[in-house]
């Protein structure tokens, strides 16, 4: 088995359990606008592909018009900007994993489909002690995951080939990103989606506990 010297992490559903804050914020926007809300657990399948897709998915099918999507997208950005840290926290075992990655000098990056500004602020709050570099979210002029461009940009900045990098994520989007970039696609089972989704989208291995990732990484 190859041993990898760097890891690109998805953020929501992989490093951070953000589901309740995302669901609560979106539901408050829907309620204010007179639309039906959703059980928080349903947001497992609504999130992961950016805020525009989130808003489109939560609206009733007949209401998915561009002006409505734009209006609710702006409201969701504002609502989440006020409440993104109400309930969000690291998944159990993540802090211990990151401590070990630092000790082993394994390079670490975050690649998210959240807006870049949110991604950077959240990473600073929760992960500043572990020195992720770079931290990339969705940026104007750059395609979002599963387009592999940003993942390959990270490799280039590190001076590594994609075959030297492990990509860890919890959704179909993450597995597709990893495979398109030529990275090792590691699916995490504590996140938002199912084993079946990860396997169907190219996961090369699955883990149930964060420290199982160490088996795939270079030793000290």
C-alpha atoms as a PDB file:
ATOM      1  CA  UNK A   1       0.000   0.000   0.000  1.00  0.00           C
ATOM      2  CA  UNK A   2       1.255   3.460  -0.891  1.00  0.00           C
ATOM      3  CA  UNK A   3       2.016   5.833   1.963  1.00  0.00           C
ATOM      4  CA  UNK A   4       0.977   9.411   1.290  1.00  0.00           C
ATOM      5  CA  UNK A   5       2.834  12.536   2.398  1.00  0.00           C
ATOM      6  CA  UNK A   6      -0.040  15.050   2.236  1.00  0.00           C
ATOM      7  CA  UNK A   7      -3.794  15.203   2.804  1.00  0.00           C
ATOM      8  CA  UNK A   8      -6.449  17.398   1.250  1.00  0.00           C
ATOM      9  CA  UNK A   9      -9.503  17.501   3.508  1.00  0.00           C
ATOM     10  CA  UNK A  10     -13.057  18.409   2.707  1.00  0.00           C
ATOM     11  CA  UNK A  11     -14.379  20.484   5.624  1.00  0.00           C
ATOM     12  CA  UNK A  12     -18.147  20.056   6.239  1.00  0.00           C
ATOM     13  CA  UNK A  13     -18.931  16.458   7.106  1.00  0.00           C
ATOM     14  CA  UNK A  14     -15.251  15.500   7.207  1.00  0.00           C
ATOM     15  CA  UNK A  15     -13.495  17.758   9.718  1.00  0.00           C
ATOM     16  CA  UNK A  16     -16.476  19.684  11.096  1.00  0.00           C
ATOM     17  CA  UNK A  17     -20.005  18.633  11.958  1.00  0.00           C
ATOM     18  CA  UNK A  18     -21.804  21.676  10.561  1.00  0.00           C
ATOM     19  CA  UNK A  19     -25.140  20.018   9.805  1.00  0.00           C
ATOM     20  CA  UNK A  20     -27.276  21.535  12.560  1.00  0.00           C
ATOM     21  CA  UNK A  21     -26.125  25.101  11.963  1.00  0.00           C
ATOM     22  CA  UNK A  22     -26.644  24.774   8.210  1.00  0.00           C
ATOM     23  CA  UNK A  23     -30.087  23.245   8.643  1.00  0.00           C
ATOM     24  CA  UNK A  24     -31.209  25.648  11.339  1.00  0.00           C
ATOM     25  CA  UNK A  25     -30.106  28.708   9.361  1.00  0.00           C
ATOM     26  CA  UNK A  26     -31.690  27.580   6.112  1.00  0.00           C
ATOM     27  CA  UNK A  27     -34.918  26.636   7.880  1.00  0.00           C
ATOM     28  CA  UNK A  28     -35.180  30.077   9.471  1.00  0.00           C
ATOM     29  CA  UNK A  29     -34.833  31.674   6.040  1.00  0.00           C
ATOM     30  CA  UNK A  30     -37.464  29.353   4.555  1.00  0.00           C
ATOM     31  CA  UNK A  31     -39.840  30.034   7.422  1.00  0.00           C
ATOM     32  CA  UNK A  32     -39.497  33.807   7.075  1.00  0.00           C
ATOM     33  CA  UNK A  33     -40.240  33.508   3.369  1.00  0.00           C
ATOM     34  CA  UNK A  34     -43.286  31.318   3.916  1.00  0.00           C
ATOM     35  CA  UNK A  35     -41.819  28.079   2.541  1.00  0.00           C
ATOM     36  CA  UNK A  36     -41.885  24.620   4.162  1.00  0.00           C
ATOM     37  CA  UNK A  37     -38.905  23.735   6.342  1.00  0.00           C
ATOM     38  CA  UNK A  38     -37.063  20.405   6.454  1.00  0.00           C
ATOM     39  CA  UNK A  39     -35.825  18.036   9.178  1.00  0.00           C
ATOM     40  CA  UNK A  40     -32.204  18.835   9.911  1.00  0.00           C
ATOM     41  CA  UNK A  41     -31.140  15.311   8.985  1.00  0.00           C
ATOM     42  CA  UNK A  42     -32.426  15.884   5.428  1.00  0.00           C
ATOM     43  CA  UNK A  43     -29.746  18.533   4.992  1.00  0.00           C
ATOM     44  CA  UNK A  44     -27.218  15.711   4.659  1.00  0.00           C
ATOM     45  CA  UNK A  45     -28.366  15.510   1.050  1.00  0.00           C
ATOM     46  CA  UNK A  46     -28.948  19.209   0.436  1.00  0.00           C
ATOM     47  CA  UNK A  47     -25.470  20.503   1.346  1.00  0.00           C
ATOM     48  CA  UNK A  48     -22.055  19.903  -0.179  1.00  0.00           C
ATOM     49  CA  UNK A  49     -22.223  21.639  -3.557  1.00  0.00           C
ATOM     50  CA  UNK A  50     -22.338  25.309  -2.592  1.00  0.00           C
ATOM     51  CA  UNK A  51     -24.978  27.709  -1.339  1.00  0.00           C
ATOM     52  CA  UNK A  52     -26.785  28.142  -4.673  1.00  0.00           C
ATOM     53  CA  UNK A  53     -27.402  24.416  -4.971  1.00  0.00           C
ATOM     54  CA  UNK A  54     -28.459  24.268  -1.324  1.00  0.00           C
ATOM     55  CA  UNK A  55     -31.132  26.924  -1.813  1.00  0.00           C
ATOM     56  CA  UNK A  56     -32.381  25.328  -5.014  1.00  0.00           C
ATOM     57  CA  UNK A  57     -32.697  21.925  -3.357  1.00  0.00           C
ATOM     58  CA  UNK A  58     -34.642  23.131  -0.313  1.00  0.00           C
ATOM     59  CA  UNK A  59     -37.213  25.140  -2.281  1.00  0.00           C
ATOM     60  CA  UNK A  60     -40.426  23.520  -3.516  1.00  0.00           C
ATOM     61  CA  UNK A  61     -39.940  22.459  -7.124  1.00  0.00           C
ATOM     62  CA  UNK A  62     -42.316  25.090  -8.498  1.00  0.00           C
ATOM     63  CA  UNK A  63     -40.489  27.891  -6.662  1.00  0.00           C
ATOM     64  CA  UNK A  64     -37.003  27.301  -8.065  1.00  0.00           C
ATOM     65  CA  UNK A  65     -36.892  30.487 -10.107  1.00  0.00           C
ATOM     66  CA  UNK A  66     -33.677  32.463 -10.340  1.00  0.00           C
ATOM     67  CA  UNK A  67     -34.902  35.636  -8.565  1.00  0.00           C
ATOM     68  CA  UNK A  68     -36.192  33.527  -5.660  1.00  0.00           C
ATOM     69  CA  UNK A  69     -32.990  31.504  -5.466  1.00  0.00           C
ATOM     70  CA  UNK A  70     -30.914  34.687  -5.498  1.00  0.00           C
ATOM     71  CA  UNK A  71     -32.995  36.326  -2.754  1.00  0.00           C
ATOM     72  CA  UNK A  72     -32.852  33.311  -0.455  1.00  0.00           C
ATOM     73  CA  UNK A  73     -29.179  32.786  -1.182  1.00  0.00           C
ATOM     74  CA  UNK A  74     -28.422  36.306   0.049  1.00  0.00           C
ATOM     75  CA  UNK A  75     -30.553  35.745   3.159  1.00  0.00           C
ATOM     76  CA  UNK A  76     -28.892  32.412   3.876  1.00  0.00           C
ATOM     77  CA  UNK A  77     -25.427  33.956   3.567  1.00  0.00           C
ATOM     78  CA  UNK A  78     -26.400  36.611   6.100  1.00  0.00           C
ATOM     79  CA  UNK A  79     -28.093  34.159   8.475  1.00  0.00           C
ATOM     80  CA  UNK A  80     -25.217  31.712   8.374  1.00  0.00           C
ATOM     81  CA  UNK A  81     -22.791  34.572   8.835  1.00  0.00           C
ATOM     82  CA  UNK A  82     -24.422  35.230  12.209  1.00  0.00           C
ATOM     83  CA  UNK A  83     -24.935  31.641  13.372  1.00  0.00           C
ATOM     84  CA  UNK A  84     -22.310  29.374  11.789  1.00  0.00           C
ATOM     85  CA  UNK A  85     -20.656  28.611  15.136  1.00  0.00           C
ATOM     86  CA  UNK A  86     -23.748  28.018  17.282  1.00  0.00           C
ATOM     87  CA  UNK A  87     -23.487  24.210  17.274  1.00  0.00           C
ATOM     88  CA  UNK A  88     -20.625  23.397  14.882  1.00  0.00           C
ATOM     89  CA  UNK A  89     -17.660  21.470  16.271  1.00  0.00           C
ATOM     90  CA  UNK A  90     -14.908  19.052  15.290  1.00  0.00           C
ATOM     91  CA  UNK A  91     -15.922  15.437  14.904  1.00  0.00           C
ATOM     92  CA  UNK A  92     -14.627  13.157  17.668  1.00  0.00           C
ATOM     93  CA  UNK A  93     -11.088  12.031  16.943  1.00  0.00           C
ATOM     94  CA  UNK A  94     -10.227  14.824  14.506  1.00  0.00           C
ATOM     95  CA  UNK A  95      -8.073  16.791  16.965  1.00  0.00           C
ATOM     96  CA  UNK A  96      -6.042  13.684  17.795  1.00  0.00           C
ATOM     97  CA  UNK A  97      -5.587  12.902  14.094  1.00  0.00           C
ATOM     98  CA  UNK A  98      -4.400  16.429  13.325  1.00  0.00           C
ATOM     99  CA  UNK A  99      -1.943  16.360  16.207  1.00  0.00           C
ATOM    100  CA  UNK A 100      -0.421  13.232  14.703  1.00  0.00           C
ATOM    101  CA  UNK A 101      -0.277  14.737  11.216  1.00  0.00           C
ATOM    102  CA  UNK A 102       1.655  17.698  12.575  1.00  0.00           C
ATOM    103  CA  UNK A 103       4.058  15.370  14.371  1.00  0.00           C
ATOM    104  CA  UNK A 104       4.619  13.359  11.177  1.00  0.00           C
ATOM    105  CA  UNK A 105       5.025  16.549   9.118  1.00  0.00           C
ATOM    106  CA  UNK A 106       2.210  15.531   6.804  1.00  0.00           C
ATOM    107  CA  UNK A 107       1.086  18.501   4.707  1.00  0.00           C
ATOM    108  CA  UNK A 108      -2.535  19.541   5.266  1.00  0.00           C
ATOM    109  CA  UNK A 109      -4.994  21.507   3.153  1.00  0.00           C
ATOM    110  CA  UNK A 110      -8.717  22.234   3.238  1.00  0.00           C
ATOM    111  CA  UNK A 111     -10.770  22.326   0.035  1.00  0.00           C
ATOM    112  CA  UNK A 112     -14.441  23.238   0.433  1.00  0.00           C
ATOM    113  CA  UNK A 113     -17.363  24.276  -1.738  1.00  0.00           C
ATOM    114  CA  UNK A 114     -18.335  26.812   0.923  1.00  0.00           C
ATOM    115  CA  UNK A 115     -17.668  30.422  -0.100  1.00  0.00           C
ATOM    116  CA  UNK A 116     -13.969  31.089   0.330  1.00  0.00           C
ATOM    117  CA  UNK A 117     -14.461  33.819   2.948  1.00  0.00           C
ATOM    118  CA  UNK A 118     -16.523  31.517   5.176  1.00  0.00           C
ATOM    119  CA  UNK A 119     -14.070  28.667   4.685  1.00  0.00           C
ATOM    120  CA  UNK A 120     -11.120  30.829   5.729  1.00  0.00           C
ATOM    121  CA  UNK A 121     -12.883  32.231   8.806  1.00  0.00           C
ATOM    122  CA  UNK A 122     -14.071  28.810   9.958  1.00  0.00           C
ATOM    123  CA  UNK A 123     -10.671  27.238   9.414  1.00  0.00           C
ATOM    124  CA  UNK A 124      -9.071  30.029  11.412  1.00  0.00           C
ATOM    125  CA  UNK A 125     -11.443  29.481  14.315  1.00  0.00           C
ATOM    126  CA  UNK A 126     -11.316  25.702  14.477  1.00  0.00           C
ATOM    127  CA  UNK A 127      -7.992  24.715  12.920  1.00  0.00           C
ATOM    128  CA  UNK A 128      -5.554  27.574  13.446  1.00  0.00           C
ATOM    129  CA  UNK A 129      -3.448  25.464  15.804  1.00  0.00           C
ATOM    130  CA  UNK A 130      -2.745  22.882  13.088  1.00  0.00           C
ATOM    131  CA  UNK A 131      -1.520  25.109  10.282  1.00  0.00           C
ATOM    132  CA  UNK A 132      -3.565  24.100   7.248  1.00  0.00           C
ATOM    133  CA  UNK A 133      -1.994  25.580   4.120  1.00  0.00           C
ATOM    134  CA  UNK A 134      -3.686  26.307   1.838  1.00  0.00           C
ATOM    135  CA  UNK A 135      -7.322  26.726   2.846  1.00  0.00           C
ATOM    136  CA  UNK A 136      -9.530  27.111  -0.218  1.00  0.00           C
ATOM    137  CA  UNK A 137     -13.254  27.598  -0.586  1.00  0.00           C
ATOM    138  CA  UNK A 138     -15.395  28.443  -3.586  1.00  0.00           C
ATOM    139  CA  UNK A 139     -13.866  31.437  -5.382  1.00  0.00           C
ATOM    140  CA  UNK A 140     -15.154  33.619  -8.187  1.00  0.00           C
ATOM    141  CA  UNK A 141     -13.704  32.509 -11.484  1.00  0.00           C
ATOM    142  CA  UNK A 142     -12.825  29.012 -10.242  1.00  0.00           C
ATOM    143  CA  UNK A 143     -14.946  25.918 -10.781  1.00  0.00           C
ATOM    144  CA  UNK A 144     -16.217  24.192  -7.640  1.00  0.00           C
ATOM    145  CA  UNK A 145     -15.664  20.548  -6.777  1.00  0.00           C
ATOM    146  CA  UNK A 146     -15.922  17.986  -8.336  1.00  0.00           C
ATOM    147  CA  UNK A 147     -13.877  19.929 -10.872  1.00  0.00           C
ATOM    148  CA  UNK A 148     -10.296  18.907  -9.979  1.00  0.00           C
ATOM    149  CA  UNK A 149      -8.634  22.249 -10.756  1.00  0.00           C
ATOM    150  CA  UNK A 150      -8.409  23.506  -7.164  1.00  0.00           C
ATOM    151  CA  UNK A 151      -7.161  20.138  -5.899  1.00  0.00           C
ATOM    152  CA  UNK A 152      -4.445  20.174  -8.552  1.00  0.00           C
ATOM    153  CA  UNK A 153      -3.633  23.794  -7.667  1.00  0.00           C
ATOM    154  CA  UNK A 154      -2.925  22.607  -4.114  1.00  0.00           C
ATOM    155  CA  UNK A 155      -0.616  19.862  -5.397  1.00  0.00           C
ATOM    156  CA  UNK A 156       1.248  22.322  -7.572  1.00  0.00           C
ATOM    157  CA  UNK A 157       1.753  24.692  -4.652  1.00  0.00           C
ATOM    158  CA  UNK A 158       3.186  21.855  -2.596  1.00  0.00           C
ATOM    159  CA  UNK A 159       5.431  20.668  -5.408  1.00  0.00           C
ATOM    160  CA  UNK A 160       3.827  17.215  -5.218  1.00  0.00           C
ATOM    161  CA  UNK A 161       2.219  15.011  -7.812  1.00  0.00           C
ATOM    162  CA  UNK A 162      -1.423  14.066  -7.171  1.00  0.00           C
ATOM    163  CA  UNK A 163      -0.384  10.426  -6.782  1.00  0.00           C
ATOM    164  CA  UNK A 164       1.427  11.485  -3.587  1.00  0.00           C
ATOM    165  CA  UNK A 165      -1.686  13.020  -2.017  1.00  0.00           C
ATOM    166  CA  UNK A 166      -4.619  11.507  -0.126  1.00  0.00           C
ATOM    167  CA  UNK A 167      -7.998  13.227  -0.427  1.00  0.00           C
ATOM    168  CA  UNK A 168     -10.440  12.697   2.466  1.00  0.00           C
ATOM    169  CA  UNK A 169     -14.142  13.491   2.144  1.00  0.00           C
ATOM    170  CA  UNK A 170     -17.647  12.322   2.925  1.00  0.00           C
ATOM    171  CA  UNK A 171     -19.681  12.812  -0.277  1.00  0.00           C
ATOM    172  CA  UNK A 172     -19.950  11.782  -3.908  1.00  0.00           C
ATOM    173  CA  UNK A 173     -18.545  15.201  -4.830  1.00  0.00           C
ATOM    174  CA  UNK A 174     -15.400  14.526  -2.805  1.00  0.00           C
ATOM    175  CA  UNK A 175     -14.778  11.088  -4.259  1.00  0.00           C
ATOM    176  CA  UNK A 176     -15.269  12.403  -7.793  1.00  0.00           C
ATOM    177  CA  UNK A 177     -12.878  15.282  -7.079  1.00  0.00           C
ATOM    178  CA  UNK A 178     -10.211  12.921  -5.795  1.00  0.00           C
ATOM    179  CA  UNK A 179     -10.483  10.514  -8.712  1.00  0.00           C
ATOM    180  CA  UNK A 180     -10.503  13.270 -11.335  1.00  0.00           C
ATOM    181  CA  UNK A 181      -7.431  14.827  -9.749  1.00  0.00           C
ATOM    182  CA  UNK A 182      -5.568  11.512  -9.576  1.00  0.00           C
ATOM    183  CA  UNK A 183      -5.426  11.530  -5.751  1.00  0.00           C
ATOM    184  CA  UNK A 184      -6.213   8.596  -3.463  1.00  0.00           C
ATOM    185  CA  UNK A 185      -9.941   8.802  -2.680  1.00  0.00           C
ATOM    186  CA  UNK A 186     -10.545   8.066   1.024  1.00  0.00           C
ATOM    187  CA  UNK A 187     -14.184   8.122   2.109  1.00  0.00           C
ATOM    188  CA  UNK A 188     -15.057   8.936   5.715  1.00  0.00           C
ATOM    189  CA  UNK A 189     -18.112   7.234   7.203  1.00  0.00           C
ATOM    190  CA  UNK A 190     -18.799   9.644  10.083  1.00  0.00           C
ATOM    191  CA  UNK A 191     -19.965  12.409   7.745  1.00  0.00           C
ATOM    192  CA  UNK A 192     -23.136  13.333   5.900  1.00  0.00           C
ATOM    193  CA  UNK A 193     -23.507  10.550   3.332  1.00  0.00           C
ATOM    194  CA  UNK A 194     -23.619   6.766   3.071  1.00  0.00           C
ATOM    195  CA  UNK A 195     -21.117   4.008   2.423  1.00  0.00           C
ATOM    196  CA  UNK A 196     -22.977   3.161  -0.785  1.00  0.00           C
ATOM    197  CA  UNK A 197     -22.668   6.705  -2.146  1.00  0.00           C
ATOM    198  CA  UNK A 198     -18.950   6.798  -1.463  1.00  0.00           C
ATOM    199  CA  UNK A 199     -18.318   3.389  -3.017  1.00  0.00           C
ATOM    200  CA  UNK A 200     -20.460   4.173  -6.056  1.00  0.00           C
ATOM    201  CA  UNK A 201     -18.427   7.331  -6.692  1.00  0.00           C
ATOM    202  CA  UNK A 202     -14.974   5.839  -6.607  1.00  0.00           C
ATOM    203  CA  UNK A 203     -13.849   5.602  -2.976  1.00  0.00           C
ATOM    204  CA  UNK A 204     -10.664   3.538  -2.896  1.00  0.00           C
ATOM    205  CA  UNK A 205     -10.927   2.922   0.846  1.00  0.00           C
ATOM    206  CA  UNK A 206     -13.358   3.784   3.656  1.00  0.00           C
ATOM    207  CA  UNK A 207     -12.660   4.576   7.308  1.00  0.00           C
ATOM    208  CA  UNK A 208     -14.943   4.749  10.340  1.00  0.00           C
ATOM    209  CA  UNK A 209     -12.589   6.513  12.747  1.00  0.00           C
ATOM    210  CA  UNK A 210     -10.297   9.474  11.952  1.00  0.00           C
ATOM    211  CA  UNK A 211      -7.150   7.789  13.267  1.00  0.00           C
ATOM    212  CA  UNK A 212      -7.573   4.976  10.733  1.00  0.00           C
ATOM    213  CA  UNK A 213      -6.280   7.500   8.210  1.00  0.00           C
ATOM    214  CA  UNK A 214      -2.812   7.113   9.713  1.00  0.00           C
ATOM    215  CA  UNK A 215      -2.544   3.659   8.157  1.00  0.00           C
ATOM    216  CA  UNK A 216      -2.406   5.358   4.737  1.00  0.00           C
ATOM    217  CA  UNK A 217       0.188   8.000   5.616  1.00  0.00           C
ATOM    218  CA  UNK A 218       3.942   8.189   5.781  1.00  0.00           C
ATOM    219  CA  UNK A 219       5.393   7.225   9.150  1.00  0.00           C
ATOM    220  CA  UNK A 220       7.475   9.718  11.136  1.00  0.00           C
END
